[in-house]
């Protein structure tokens, strides 16, 4: 490695074995599904089952298109960096990008005809793509939106953990009850209120202590663990759906009479007043744009990426829809904003424990990864280098990770409701897939056509199979970006008017 360019560093993951498509699909499902699926039934309640299903379906299709567009932008960046030494305008990358995989052993620059390939030797993160095709100012603006989105995600994980533990695990002396041991559902008390919040805050503190320890550890790729978590998610949702379909309201500790709902009845198929809520929940629940570069890198058969993303999104859409429709049908207006809490009083204690605690335990595993990911991107912008290339000390890494978590814990203390976290994260989540990605697609297309010529470049994309995943004409993608901007404006105005 001594003869490598001084500005380019070697990435250890380049020596890792490539993974088959089904494993990457499991990774994708895990990236997509976090705490967001717990808010889908509540979104279906507010928007109506029909409108909720249609909105989530539309968001799913658009998220797939955005992921494919970003993959195409990554292939263009790989071609640009293969033709020119662009290290002077980029955050230093982790591998000699001017070398192809086939020629890396000989350390010879890539030559020959234009080839559009998805890289296996590194990842091309969204801020880096913005800096390459747009400029430094775009890198920083996108980094800001990434930070806001991930802060909202971390906030939702804290809320789910603390609310779930408060509803299931009894602790003495923290509630003003006649029982020495008591639990409570923060969504079933006035203003989340009274002493129930004390128990919630206690579990937030416990979570903070646990994360302070876990954040000191670096991530390691664990394919078996990720596949196991995918299977467990499917089993938990199947258990929730079965208890909803086969059980009675009394099994959940509810009266037979349904409570009042904001508009009409729970069976009302369309409630336009809940449109903004279900849009934001849908965007957050199906958003995996930040993970696309990392998911593409270890994929063995790169041409399978449209099928991998489509399969993962289809699985999550089916699980979300079945769970949402079943919960609204069985529980009506009593659906909690964090639906796992509806099982806190279920008649079978073991089911109560499994359903209520799994999301909390899942957050323990997901939170550190998202916090580390946020810190990595921030360090890349601040230091203009990648911390895991050995250029930043462990103490600095830990400090950035811990600092990235502080805003999320503040939000979790001030706004305990999961629905508030999903609203905030959903608004910011619109930016990356619906505005930034189509903009990158158009700008990169113009840059590459200018560099190689329209016919030569379009033929190269066609031969590579990267332009055949669906509608990718410049006019259609421009319309996509305009739609994303209008959607973002609508959700922001609606949130301001209704106080989020």
Protein backbone atom coordinates (compact mmCIF):
# COMPACT_ATOMS: atom_id res chain seq x y z
CA UNK A 1 0.00 0.00 0.00
CA UNK A 2 3.01 2.29 0.16
CA UNK A 3 2.59 3.34 -3.48
CA UNK A 4 -1.02 4.48 -2.99
CA UNK A 5 -1.74 8.19 -3.52
CA UNK A 6 -1.11 10.11 -0.28
CA UNK A 7 -4.64 11.54 -0.15
CA UNK A 8 -6.32 8.14 -0.51
CA UNK A 9 -6.58 5.59 2.27
CA UNK A 10 -7.33 1.90 2.33
CA UNK A 11 -10.65 0.73 3.75
CA UNK A 12 -10.63 -2.56 5.67
CA UNK A 13 -14.15 -3.45 4.51
CA UNK A 14 -12.80 -3.83 0.98
CA UNK A 15 -11.49 -7.24 2.09
CA UNK A 16 -14.88 -8.41 3.31
CA UNK A 17 -16.73 -11.04 1.34
CA UNK A 18 -19.59 -9.82 -0.84
CA UNK A 19 -23.08 -10.78 0.34
CA UNK A 20 -25.91 -12.43 -1.62
CA UNK A 21 -29.03 -10.48 -2.54
CA UNK A 22 -31.29 -12.07 0.08
CA UNK A 23 -28.94 -11.03 2.88
CA UNK A 24 -28.84 -7.45 1.61
CA UNK A 25 -32.64 -7.55 1.48
CA UNK A 26 -32.65 -8.45 5.18
CA UNK A 27 -30.28 -5.56 5.87
CA UNK A 28 -32.58 -3.25 3.92
CA UNK A 29 -35.65 -4.35 5.85
CA UNK A 30 -33.79 -3.69 9.11
CA UNK A 31 -32.71 -0.24 7.92
CA UNK A 32 -36.29 0.60 6.93
CA UNK A 33 -38.08 -0.83 9.94
CA UNK A 34 -37.34 0.87 13.22
CA UNK A 35 -39.74 2.40 15.68
CA UNK A 36 -41.73 3.96 12.84
CA UNK A 37 -43.98 0.96 12.23
CA UNK A 38 -45.47 1.43 15.71
CA UNK A 39 -47.07 4.69 14.55
CA UNK A 40 -48.71 3.28 11.41
CA UNK A 41 -51.96 2.07 13.09
CA UNK A 42 -52.45 5.49 14.68
CA UNK A 43 -51.88 7.10 11.29
CA UNK A 44 -54.47 4.76 9.74
CA UNK A 45 -56.92 5.77 12.49
CA UNK A 46 -56.53 9.49 11.79
CA UNK A 47 -56.52 9.23 7.99
CA UNK A 48 -58.92 6.33 7.50
CA UNK A 49 -57.97 2.80 6.39
CA UNK A 50 -58.37 3.43 2.65
CA UNK A 51 -56.53 6.75 2.52
CA UNK A 52 -53.83 5.41 4.84
CA UNK A 53 -53.21 2.38 2.64
CA UNK A 54 -53.08 4.43 -0.56
CA UNK A 55 -50.72 7.01 0.92
CA UNK A 56 -48.30 4.40 2.28
CA UNK A 57 -48.39 2.60 -1.09
CA UNK A 58 -47.62 5.81 -2.97
CA UNK A 59 -44.79 6.69 -0.57
CA UNK A 60 -43.39 3.16 -0.94
CA UNK A 61 -43.25 3.44 -4.73
CA UNK A 62 -41.61 6.86 -4.57
CA UNK A 63 -39.05 5.65 -2.03
CA UNK A 64 -38.12 2.80 -4.37
CA UNK A 65 -37.72 5.21 -7.27
CA UNK A 66 -35.56 7.51 -5.13
CA UNK A 67 -33.31 4.61 -4.06
CA UNK A 68 -32.82 3.55 -7.69
CA UNK A 69 -32.06 7.13 -8.73
CA UNK A 70 -29.46 7.44 -5.98
CA UNK A 71 -27.88 4.17 -7.10
CA UNK A 72 -27.57 5.59 -10.60
CA UNK A 73 -25.98 8.77 -9.25
CA UNK A 74 -23.45 6.61 -7.37
CA UNK A 75 -22.50 4.82 -10.59
CA UNK A 76 -21.95 8.18 -12.28
CA UNK A 77 -19.76 9.37 -9.41
CA UNK A 78 -17.75 6.18 -9.71
CA UNK A 79 -17.21 6.85 -13.42
CA UNK A 80 -16.19 10.47 -12.81
CA UNK A 81 -13.70 9.50 -10.13
CA UNK A 82 -12.38 6.73 -12.36
CA UNK A 83 -11.69 9.18 -15.17
CA UNK A 84 -10.27 12.04 -13.15
CA UNK A 85 -8.52 12.46 -9.85
CA UNK A 86 -11.26 14.31 -8.01
CA UNK A 87 -9.72 13.97 -4.56
CA UNK A 88 -8.99 17.68 -4.44
CA UNK A 89 -12.70 18.54 -4.42
CA UNK A 90 -13.88 15.65 -2.24
CA UNK A 91 -13.56 14.56 1.33
CA UNK A 92 -10.66 12.06 1.07
CA UNK A 93 -12.16 8.66 0.36
CA UNK A 94 -11.11 5.35 1.79
CA UNK A 95 -9.80 3.60 -1.31
CA UNK A 96 -7.89 4.60 -4.42
CA UNK A 97 -11.00 5.41 -6.42
CA UNK A 98 -8.94 6.12 -9.52
CA UNK A 99 -8.27 2.39 -9.69
CA UNK A 100 -10.79 -0.17 -10.89
CA UNK A 101 -11.32 -3.37 -8.93
CA UNK A 102 -9.80 -5.45 -11.73
CA UNK A 103 -6.66 -3.32 -11.90
CA UNK A 104 -6.29 -2.59 -8.20
CA UNK A 105 -3.62 -5.23 -7.72
CA UNK A 106 -1.50 -3.74 -10.49
CA UNK A 107 -2.18 -0.20 -9.23
CA UNK A 108 -2.93 0.99 -12.75
CA UNK A 109 -5.44 3.80 -13.44
CA UNK A 110 -8.64 2.71 -15.11
CA UNK A 111 -8.49 3.07 -18.87
CA UNK A 112 -10.61 2.10 -21.84
CA UNK A 113 -14.24 2.86 -22.71
CA UNK A 114 -16.63 4.53 -20.32
CA UNK A 115 -18.02 2.00 -17.84
CA UNK A 116 -20.77 2.73 -15.36
CA UNK A 117 -20.44 0.36 -12.44
CA UNK A 118 -21.60 0.32 -8.84
CA UNK A 119 -18.49 0.18 -6.63
CA UNK A 120 -17.70 -2.66 -4.26
CA UNK A 121 -14.60 -1.07 -2.76
CA UNK A 122 -16.18 1.93 -1.02
CA UNK A 123 -19.40 3.81 -0.30
CA UNK A 124 -20.48 7.11 -1.82
CA UNK A 125 -22.42 8.97 0.84
CA UNK A 126 -24.97 11.63 -0.05
CA UNK A 127 -22.97 14.63 1.31
CA UNK A 128 -19.97 13.46 -0.73
CA UNK A 129 -22.11 13.19 -3.87
CA UNK A 130 -23.39 16.70 -3.28
CA UNK A 131 -19.87 18.01 -2.96
CA UNK A 132 -18.77 16.27 -6.16
CA UNK A 133 -21.64 17.35 -8.40
CA UNK A 134 -22.89 20.57 -6.77
CA UNK A 135 -20.34 22.04 -4.38
CA UNK A 136 -19.23 22.43 -0.78
CA UNK A 137 -22.26 24.53 0.16
CA UNK A 138 -24.57 21.68 -0.91
CA UNK A 139 -22.55 19.21 1.16
CA UNK A 140 -23.10 21.29 4.27
CA UNK A 141 -26.79 21.93 3.66
CA UNK A 142 -27.43 18.25 3.08
CA UNK A 143 -25.41 17.42 6.17
CA UNK A 144 -27.74 19.68 8.11
CA UNK A 145 -30.82 17.86 6.81
CA UNK A 146 -29.18 14.49 7.52
CA UNK A 147 -28.47 15.62 11.07
CA UNK A 148 -32.05 16.74 11.62
CA UNK A 149 -33.43 13.50 10.22
CA UNK A 150 -31.19 11.27 12.31
CA UNK A 151 -31.81 13.35 15.44
CA UNK A 152 -35.54 12.74 14.89
CA UNK A 153 -34.91 9.03 14.41
CA UNK A 154 -32.89 8.82 17.63
CA UNK A 155 -35.64 10.76 19.41
CA UNK A 156 -38.22 8.20 18.31
CA UNK A 157 -36.07 5.31 19.57
CA UNK A 158 -35.76 6.94 22.99
CA UNK A 159 -39.52 7.53 23.15
CA UNK A 160 -40.33 3.95 22.19
CA UNK A 161 -37.91 2.47 24.71
CA UNK A 162 -38.99 4.62 27.65
CA UNK A 163 -42.73 4.36 26.95
CA UNK A 164 -42.53 0.60 26.41
CA UNK A 165 -40.56 -0.04 29.57
CA UNK A 166 -42.86 2.23 31.61
CA UNK A 167 -45.87 0.25 30.39
CA UNK A 168 -44.44 -3.20 31.14
CA UNK A 169 -41.77 -3.14 33.84
CA UNK A 170 -43.08 -2.23 37.31
CA UNK A 171 -40.86 -0.26 39.64
CA UNK A 172 -41.53 0.62 43.28
CA UNK A 173 -41.92 4.15 44.52
CA UNK A 174 -42.02 5.97 41.17
CA UNK A 175 -45.80 6.23 40.83
CA UNK A 176 -48.30 7.68 43.27
CA UNK A 177 -50.37 4.52 43.37
CA UNK A 178 -51.59 2.42 46.20
CA UNK A 179 -49.63 -0.47 44.74
CA UNK A 180 -45.97 -0.72 45.61
CA UNK A 181 -45.29 -1.86 42.05
CA UNK A 182 -47.05 -0.12 39.17
CA UNK A 183 -46.81 0.51 35.44
CA UNK A 184 -48.55 3.03 33.23
CA UNK A 185 -49.26 3.92 29.60
CA UNK A 186 -48.23 7.53 29.07
CA UNK A 187 -50.70 7.86 26.17
CA UNK A 188 -53.67 6.98 28.40
CA UNK A 189 -53.08 9.71 30.97
CA UNK A 190 -53.98 13.38 30.77
CA UNK A 191 -51.19 15.40 29.15
CA UNK A 192 -49.03 12.24 29.35
CA UNK A 193 -49.27 13.23 32.82
CA UNK A 194 -48.86 13.14 36.46
CA UNK A 195 -46.55 10.66 38.02
CA UNK A 196 -46.58 8.50 34.88
CA UNK A 197 -44.07 10.88 33.37
CA UNK A 198 -41.76 10.22 36.30
CA UNK A 199 -41.56 6.58 35.30
CA UNK A 200 -41.06 7.58 31.65
CA UNK A 201 -38.20 9.94 32.58
CA UNK A 202 -36.60 7.24 34.69
CA UNK A 203 -36.40 4.90 31.68
CA UNK A 204 -35.07 7.72 29.50
CA UNK A 205 -32.26 8.11 32.03
CA UNK A 206 -31.61 4.36 32.02
CA UNK A 207 -31.48 4.39 28.22
CA UNK A 208 -29.04 7.31 28.26
CA UNK A 209 -26.69 5.46 30.59
CA UNK A 210 -26.83 2.32 28.44
CA UNK A 211 -26.14 4.30 25.27
CA UNK A 212 -23.24 6.13 26.90
CA UNK A 213 -21.59 2.71 27.25
CA UNK A 214 -22.55 1.30 23.83
CA UNK A 215 -21.45 4.40 21.94
CA UNK A 216 -17.87 3.71 23.00
CA UNK A 217 -17.92 0.55 20.85
CA UNK A 218 -17.36 0.54 17.06
CA UNK A 219 -19.79 -1.19 14.72
CA UNK A 220 -18.94 -4.54 13.17
CA UNK A 221 -20.74 -6.15 10.29
CA UNK A 222 -22.87 -9.05 11.53
CA UNK A 223 -24.94 -10.59 8.77
CA UNK A 224 -26.32 -13.41 10.95
CA UNK A 225 -27.51 -10.95 13.58
CA UNK A 226 -29.23 -8.75 11.00
CA UNK A 227 -31.01 -11.70 9.37
CA UNK A 228 -32.12 -12.90 12.80
CA UNK A 229 -33.53 -9.48 13.62
CA UNK A 230 -35.45 -9.47 10.33
CA UNK A 231 -37.04 -12.81 11.19
CA UNK A 232 -37.89 -11.63 14.71
CA UNK A 233 -39.55 -8.47 13.37
CA UNK A 234 -41.72 -10.56 11.09
CA UNK A 235 -42.67 -12.90 13.94
CA UNK A 236 -43.58 -10.04 16.29
CA UNK A 237 -45.79 -8.33 13.72
CA UNK A 238 -47.44 -11.67 12.91
CA UNK A 239 -48.14 -12.17 16.62
CA UNK A 240 -49.62 -8.67 16.91
CA UNK A 241 -51.87 -9.20 13.87
CA UNK A 242 -53.07 -12.61 15.08
CA UNK A 243 -54.03 -11.30 18.51
CA UNK A 244 -55.90 -8.41 16.88
CA UNK A 245 -57.81 -10.62 14.46
CA UNK A 246 -58.60 -13.47 16.85
CA UNK A 247 -59.04 -11.56 20.09
CA UNK A 248 -61.67 -9.27 21.59
CA UNK A 249 -61.38 -5.72 22.88
CA UNK A 250 -61.67 -7.04 26.39
CA UNK A 251 -58.47 -9.04 25.82
CA UNK A 252 -56.64 -5.70 25.62
CA UNK A 253 -58.23 -4.37 28.81
CA UNK A 254 -60.70 -2.16 26.86
CA UNK A 255 -64.41 -1.68 27.28
CA UNK A 256 -66.73 -3.00 24.59
CA UNK A 257 -67.90 0.50 23.70
CA UNK A 258 -65.54 2.34 21.43
CA UNK A 259 -64.40 5.80 22.37
CA UNK A 260 -64.92 8.88 20.28
CA UNK A 261 -62.71 9.52 17.27
CA UNK A 262 -61.77 12.82 15.67
CA UNK A 263 -64.12 12.39 12.69
CA UNK A 264 -66.93 9.90 12.06
CA UNK A 265 -66.04 6.32 13.08
CA UNK A 266 -62.89 4.22 12.92
CA UNK A 267 -64.29 2.47 9.85
CA UNK A 268 -64.57 5.73 7.87
CA UNK A 269 -62.32 4.94 4.87
CA UNK A 270 -61.07 8.48 4.21
CA UNK A 271 -60.35 11.33 6.61
CA UNK A 272 -58.59 14.15 4.83
CA UNK A 273 -57.80 15.82 8.16
CA UNK A 274 -55.28 13.05 8.82
CA UNK A 275 -53.54 13.28 5.43
CA UNK A 276 -50.51 15.17 6.68
CA UNK A 277 -50.05 12.76 9.60
CA UNK A 278 -50.10 9.60 7.48
CA UNK A 279 -47.81 11.18 4.86
CA UNK A 280 -45.18 11.98 7.48
CA UNK A 281 -45.48 8.57 9.12
CA UNK A 282 -45.30 6.86 5.73
CA UNK A 283 -42.21 8.81 4.69
CA UNK A 284 -40.42 7.97 7.93
CA UNK A 285 -41.48 4.31 7.95
CA UNK A 286 -40.25 3.62 4.41
CA UNK A 287 -37.23 5.91 4.32
CA UNK A 288 -33.86 4.22 3.89
CA UNK A 289 -32.17 6.74 1.62
CA UNK A 290 -29.25 7.31 3.99
CA UNK A 291 -28.53 3.57 3.95
CA UNK A 292 -28.53 3.06 0.17
CA UNK A 293 -24.76 3.64 -0.32
CA UNK A 294 -23.88 1.24 2.50
CA UNK A 295 -26.33 -1.38 1.21
CA UNK A 296 -24.97 -1.26 -2.34
CA UNK A 297 -21.32 -1.70 -1.40
CA UNK A 298 -21.44 -5.34 -0.16
CA UNK A 299 -24.08 -6.50 -2.69
CA UNK A 300 -22.53 -9.33 -4.70
CA UNK A 301 -24.74 -9.04 -7.78
CA UNK A 302 -24.96 -5.29 -8.27
CA UNK A 303 -27.58 -5.47 -11.03
CA UNK A 304 -30.04 -6.91 -8.50
CA UNK A 305 -30.35 -3.66 -6.56
CA UNK A 306 -33.80 -2.70 -7.98
CA UNK A 307 -35.19 -6.12 -7.04
CA UNK A 308 -33.55 -6.05 -3.61
CA UNK A 309 -34.98 -2.63 -2.77
CA UNK A 310 -38.38 -3.48 -4.25
CA UNK A 311 -38.57 -6.74 -2.30
CA UNK A 312 -37.65 -5.08 0.99
CA UNK A 313 -40.13 -2.22 0.51
CA UNK A 314 -42.86 -4.66 -0.52
CA UNK A 315 -42.31 -6.69 2.65
CA UNK A 316 -42.46 -3.66 4.91
CA UNK A 317 -45.51 -2.25 3.09
CA UNK A 318 -47.42 -5.52 3.51
CA UNK A 319 -46.54 -5.74 7.21
CA UNK A 320 -47.42 -2.08 7.85
CA UNK A 321 -50.75 -2.33 6.04
CA UNK A 322 -51.92 -5.55 7.66
CA UNK A 323 -50.96 -4.29 11.11
CA UNK A 324 -52.60 -0.89 10.57
CA UNK A 325 -55.86 -2.26 9.20
CA UNK A 326 -56.09 -4.95 11.90
CA UNK A 327 -55.45 -2.47 14.72
CA UNK A 328 -58.05 0.05 13.52
CA UNK A 329 -60.62 -2.71 13.04
CA UNK A 330 -60.03 -4.29 16.46
CA UNK A 331 -59.20 -1.30 18.68
CA UNK A 332 -60.85 1.65 16.96
CA UNK A 333 -60.21 4.98 18.63
CA UNK A 334 -58.18 3.32 21.38
CA UNK A 335 -55.15 2.77 19.15
CA UNK A 336 -52.09 4.24 20.86
CA UNK A 337 -49.66 6.52 18.98
CA UNK A 338 -47.11 3.82 19.83
CA UNK A 339 -49.28 0.78 19.11
CA UNK A 340 -47.23 -1.77 21.04
CA UNK A 341 -48.55 -0.13 24.22
CA UNK A 342 -52.02 -1.48 23.41
CA UNK A 343 -50.69 -4.87 24.50
CA UNK A 344 -49.62 -3.58 27.94
CA UNK A 345 -52.85 -4.93 29.50
CA UNK A 346 -53.31 -8.00 27.29
CA UNK A 347 -54.85 -10.97 29.06
CA UNK A 348 -51.88 -13.28 28.37
CA UNK A 349 -48.88 -11.89 30.28
CA UNK A 350 -46.29 -13.59 28.07
CA UNK A 351 -47.69 -11.93 24.93
CA UNK A 352 -47.74 -8.61 26.77
CA UNK A 353 -44.07 -9.02 27.65
CA UNK A 354 -42.96 -10.08 24.16
CA UNK A 355 -44.87 -7.45 22.18
CA UNK A 356 -44.14 -4.61 24.57
CA UNK A 357 -40.46 -5.30 25.14
CA UNK A 358 -39.29 -6.28 21.66
CA UNK A 359 -39.51 -2.72 20.23
CA UNK A 360 -37.63 -1.46 23.28
CA UNK A 361 -34.87 -4.04 22.89
CA UNK A 362 -34.78 -3.38 19.16
CA UNK A 363 -34.14 0.30 19.88
CA UNK A 364 -31.17 -0.65 22.03
CA UNK A 365 -29.53 -2.26 18.98
CA UNK A 366 -30.59 0.33 16.40
CA UNK A 367 -29.87 3.53 18.34
CA UNK A 368 -26.05 3.17 18.55
CA UNK A 369 -25.77 2.44 14.82
CA UNK A 370 -27.72 5.54 13.88
CA UNK A 371 -25.78 7.68 16.36
CA UNK A 372 -22.46 6.40 15.00
CA UNK A 373 -23.65 6.97 11.43
CA UNK A 374 -24.57 10.56 12.25
CA UNK A 375 -21.22 11.15 13.96
CA UNK A 376 -19.34 9.66 10.99
CA UNK A 377 -20.97 12.04 8.53
CA UNK A 378 -20.43 14.99 10.82
CA UNK A 379 -16.77 14.16 11.31
CA UNK A 380 -16.31 13.81 7.55
CA UNK A 381 -17.61 17.35 7.05
CA UNK A 382 -15.85 18.95 10.01
CA UNK A 383 -12.46 17.27 9.60
CA UNK A 384 -12.70 16.77 5.82
CA UNK A 385 -11.74 13.14 6.31
CA UNK A 386 -13.23 9.85 7.47
CA UNK A 387 -12.68 9.16 11.16
CA UNK A 388 -12.55 5.37 10.73
CA UNK A 389 -9.50 5.72 8.46
CA UNK A 390 -7.56 6.20 11.66
CA UNK A 391 -7.30 9.96 11.30
CA UNK A 392 -9.34 10.86 14.39
CA UNK A 393 -8.69 9.55 17.89
CA UNK A 394 -11.10 7.37 19.85
CA UNK A 395 -11.79 10.13 22.37
CA UNK A 396 -12.84 12.51 19.60
CA UNK A 397 -15.03 9.86 18.00
CA UNK A 398 -16.80 9.17 21.28
CA UNK A 399 -17.25 12.89 21.98
CA UNK A 400 -18.96 13.43 18.62
CA UNK A 401 -21.21 10.40 19.07
CA UNK A 402 -22.26 11.52 22.53
CA UNK A 403 -22.82 15.11 21.37
CA UNK A 404 -24.99 13.91 18.48
CA UNK A 405 -27.31 12.16 20.95
CA UNK A 406 -27.87 15.11 23.27
CA UNK A 407 -30.52 16.91 21.11
CA UNK A 408 -32.51 13.69 20.79
CA UNK A 409 -32.62 13.15 24.56
CA UNK A 410 -33.67 16.77 25.08
CA UNK A 411 -36.54 16.30 22.61
CA UNK A 412 -37.55 13.04 24.28
CA UNK A 413 -37.76 14.84 27.64
CA UNK A 414 -39.76 17.78 26.29
CA UNK A 415 -42.05 15.83 23.94
CA UNK A 416 -42.65 12.26 25.14
CA UNK A 417 -45.14 11.43 22.35
CA UNK A 418 -43.92 9.16 19.56
CA UNK A 419 -46.31 10.89 17.15
CA UNK A 420 -44.43 14.17 17.68
CA UNK A 421 -41.15 12.46 16.86
CA UNK A 422 -42.62 10.91 13.71
CA UNK A 423 -44.07 14.27 12.60
CA UNK A 424 -40.70 16.00 12.98
CA UNK A 425 -38.70 13.20 11.37
CA UNK A 426 -41.21 12.76 8.58
CA UNK A 427 -40.98 16.42 7.55
CA UNK A 428 -37.17 16.33 7.39
CA UNK A 429 -37.25 12.88 5.79
CA UNK A 430 -38.93 14.33 2.71
CA UNK A 431 -35.80 16.28 1.81
CA UNK A 432 -33.40 13.45 0.97
CA UNK A 433 -35.45 11.08 -1.21
CA UNK A 434 -37.85 13.58 -2.75
CA UNK A 435 -35.70 16.70 -3.25
CA UNK A 436 -31.97 16.03 -2.83
CA UNK A 437 -31.84 12.75 -4.77
CA UNK A 438 -33.72 13.92 -7.90
CA UNK A 439 -31.65 17.11 -7.88
CA UNK A 440 -28.45 15.06 -7.75
CA UNK A 441 -29.77 12.90 -10.58
CA UNK A 442 -30.39 15.88 -12.88
CA UNK A 443 -27.12 17.66 -12.04
CA UNK A 444 -25.00 14.50 -12.40
CA UNK A 445 -26.68 13.66 -15.71
CA UNK A 446 -25.82 17.08 -17.11
CA UNK A 447 -22.24 16.88 -15.84
CA UNK A 448 -21.64 13.41 -17.31
CA UNK A 449 -23.24 14.23 -20.66
CA UNK A 450 -21.07 17.32 -20.87
CA UNK A 451 -17.97 15.29 -20.05
CA UNK A 452 -18.51 12.34 -22.39
CA UNK A 453 -21.18 13.50 -24.81
CA UNK A 454 -24.88 12.69 -24.77
CA UNK A 455 -24.84 9.61 -26.99
CA UNK A 456 -21.74 7.99 -25.50
CA UNK A 457 -22.90 8.49 -21.94
CA UNK A 458 -26.50 7.37 -22.54
CA UNK A 459 -25.25 4.26 -24.35
CA UNK A 460 -22.96 3.45 -21.42
CA UNK A 461 -25.83 3.69 -18.95
CA UNK A 462 -28.01 1.53 -21.16
CA UNK A 463 -25.30 -1.13 -21.53
CA UNK A 464 -24.72 -1.10 -17.78
CA UNK A 465 -28.41 -1.73 -17.17
CA UNK A 466 -28.60 1.12 -14.68
CA UNK A 467 -31.13 3.15 -16.67
CA UNK A 468 -33.64 0.34 -17.11
CA UNK A 469 -35.17 0.16 -13.64
CA UNK A 470 -38.11 2.43 -14.49
CA UNK A 471 -38.94 5.99 -15.39
CA UNK A 472 -35.71 7.99 -15.32
CA UNK A 473 -36.21 10.64 -17.99
CA UNK A 474 -34.97 14.12 -17.01
CA UNK A 475 -38.48 15.59 -17.39
CA UNK A 476 -40.02 12.96 -15.11
CA UNK A 477 -37.32 13.36 -12.47
CA UNK A 478 -37.68 17.15 -12.56
CA UNK A 479 -41.39 16.70 -11.95
CA UNK A 480 -40.49 14.35 -9.10
CA UNK A 481 -38.30 17.03 -7.49
CA UNK A 482 -41.04 19.66 -7.89
CA UNK A 483 -43.55 17.29 -6.29
CA UNK A 484 -41.13 16.72 -3.40
CA UNK A 485 -40.72 20.47 -2.89
CA UNK A 486 -44.50 20.99 -2.85
CA UNK A 487 -44.95 18.06 -0.46
CA UNK A 488 -42.31 19.48 1.88
CA UNK A 489 -43.95 22.91 1.76
CA UNK A 490 -47.39 21.41 2.47
CA UNK A 491 -46.20 19.42 5.49
CA UNK A 492 -44.26 22.37 6.94
CA UNK A 493 -47.20 24.79 6.56
CA UNK A 494 -49.64 22.21 7.93
CA UNK A 495 -47.33 21.56 10.89
CA UNK A 496 -46.96 25.25 11.65
CA UNK A 497 -50.71 25.83 11.46
CA UNK A 498 -51.47 22.87 13.70
CA UNK A 499 -48.48 23.34 16.00
CA UNK A 500 -46.88 20.03 14.90
